[in-house]
């Protein structure tokens, strides 16, 4: 497992804490993992198409 360290706006962090304190999530990590999972699930096709376009561009022009 990998750790990710990031900064979030105070207001967003307040919402995270509120959801955890209300019992919707066990802790902040669980909320962040769920949010990331949902983002990746809903954007999977879009992200894959972007990666494919970047690979094709690199293959055609050799630019990084």
C-alpha atoms as a PDB file:
ATOM      1  CA  UNK A   1       0.000   0.000   0.000  1.00  0.00           C
ATOM      2  CA  UNK A   2       1.203   3.540  -0.754  1.00  0.00           C
ATOM      3  CA  UNK A   3       0.676   6.712   1.257  1.00  0.00           C
ATOM      4  CA  UNK A   4      -0.337   9.996  -0.359  1.00  0.00           C
ATOM      5  CA  UNK A   5       0.131  13.303   1.420  1.00  0.00           C
ATOM      6  CA  UNK A   6      -1.816  16.317   0.167  1.00  0.00           C
ATOM      7  CA  UNK A   7      -3.284  19.599   1.284  1.00  0.00           C
ATOM      8  CA  UNK A   8      -6.990  20.417   1.102  1.00  0.00           C
ATOM      9  CA  UNK A   9      -8.827  23.684   1.687  1.00  0.00           C
ATOM     10  CA  UNK A  10      -9.960  24.253   5.272  1.00  0.00           C
ATOM     11  CA  UNK A  11     -13.639  24.201   4.290  1.00  0.00           C
ATOM     12  CA  UNK A  12     -13.286  20.852   2.523  1.00  0.00           C
ATOM     13  CA  UNK A  13     -11.434  19.390   5.495  1.00  0.00           C
ATOM     14  CA  UNK A  14     -14.240  20.617   7.744  1.00  0.00           C
ATOM     15  CA  UNK A  15     -16.730  18.695   5.615  1.00  0.00           C
ATOM     16  CA  UNK A  16     -14.553  15.577   5.823  1.00  0.00           C
ATOM     17  CA  UNK A  17     -14.344  15.844   9.608  1.00  0.00           C
ATOM     18  CA  UNK A  18     -18.102  16.409   9.820  1.00  0.00           C
ATOM     19  CA  UNK A  19     -18.844  13.235   7.843  1.00  0.00           C
ATOM     20  CA  UNK A  20     -16.430  11.211   9.970  1.00  0.00           C
ATOM     21  CA  UNK A  21     -17.794  12.675  13.223  1.00  0.00           C
ATOM     22  CA  UNK A  22     -21.358  11.933  12.064  1.00  0.00           C
ATOM     23  CA  UNK A  23     -20.438   8.279  11.601  1.00  0.00           C
ATOM     24  CA  UNK A  24     -20.658   8.141   7.793  1.00  0.00           C
ATOM     25  CA  UNK A  25     -17.024   6.972   7.674  1.00  0.00           C
ATOM     26  CA  UNK A  26     -14.751   5.333  10.245  1.00  0.00           C
ATOM     27  CA  UNK A  27     -11.981   7.839   9.597  1.00  0.00           C
ATOM     28  CA  UNK A  28     -10.613  10.355   7.112  1.00  0.00           C
ATOM     29  CA  UNK A  29      -8.667   7.692   5.213  1.00  0.00           C
ATOM     30  CA  UNK A  30     -11.821   5.680   4.508  1.00  0.00           C
ATOM     31  CA  UNK A  31     -13.585   8.758   3.155  1.00  0.00           C
ATOM     32  CA  UNK A  32     -10.654   9.711   0.917  1.00  0.00           C
ATOM     33  CA  UNK A  33     -10.312   6.140  -0.408  1.00  0.00           C
ATOM     34  CA  UNK A  34     -14.035   5.998  -1.212  1.00  0.00           C
ATOM     35  CA  UNK A  35     -13.943   9.376  -2.947  1.00  0.00           C
ATOM     36  CA  UNK A  36     -10.909   8.369  -5.011  1.00  0.00           C
ATOM     37  CA  UNK A  37     -12.446   5.001  -5.900  1.00  0.00           C
ATOM     38  CA  UNK A  38     -15.667   6.670  -7.058  1.00  0.00           C
ATOM     39  CA  UNK A  39     -13.763   9.252  -9.104  1.00  0.00           C
ATOM     40  CA  UNK A  40     -11.695   6.593 -10.841  1.00  0.00           C
ATOM     41  CA  UNK A  41     -14.753   4.396 -11.482  1.00  0.00           C
ATOM     42  CA  UNK A  42     -16.761   7.225 -13.029  1.00  0.00           C
ATOM     43  CA  UNK A  43     -13.875   8.583 -15.122  1.00  0.00           C
ATOM     44  CA  UNK A  44     -12.228   5.291 -16.152  1.00  0.00           C
ATOM     45  CA  UNK A  45     -13.199   5.456 -19.846  1.00  0.00           C
ATOM     46  CA  UNK A  46     -12.284   9.133 -20.115  1.00  0.00           C
ATOM     47  CA  UNK A  47      -8.915   8.559 -18.432  1.00  0.00           C
ATOM     48  CA  UNK A  48      -8.108   5.526 -20.596  1.00  0.00           C
ATOM     49  CA  UNK A  49      -8.903   7.474 -23.773  1.00  0.00           C
ATOM     50  CA  UNK A  50      -6.600  10.276 -22.615  1.00  0.00           C
ATOM     51  CA  UNK A  51      -3.764   7.823 -21.916  1.00  0.00           C
ATOM     52  CA  UNK A  52      -4.244   6.202 -25.325  1.00  0.00           C
ATOM     53  CA  UNK A  53      -4.170   9.584 -27.097  1.00  0.00           C
ATOM     54  CA  UNK A  54      -0.977  10.503 -25.223  1.00  0.00           C
ATOM     55  CA  UNK A  55       0.626   7.172 -26.164  1.00  0.00           C
ATOM     56  CA  UNK A  56      -0.327   7.633 -29.822  1.00  0.00           C
ATOM     57  CA  UNK A  57       1.015  11.195 -29.809  1.00  0.00           C
ATOM     58  CA  UNK A  58       4.271   9.980 -28.303  1.00  0.00           C
ATOM     59  CA  UNK A  59       4.454   7.134 -30.837  1.00  0.00           C
ATOM     60  CA  UNK A  60       3.892   9.493 -33.761  1.00  0.00           C
ATOM     61  CA  UNK A  61       6.140  12.307 -32.629  1.00  0.00           C
ATOM     62  CA  UNK A  62       8.414  10.835 -29.937  1.00  0.00           C
ATOM     63  CA  UNK A  63       7.831  13.731 -27.559  1.00  0.00           C
ATOM     64  CA  UNK A  64       7.671  13.207 -23.795  1.00  0.00           C
END
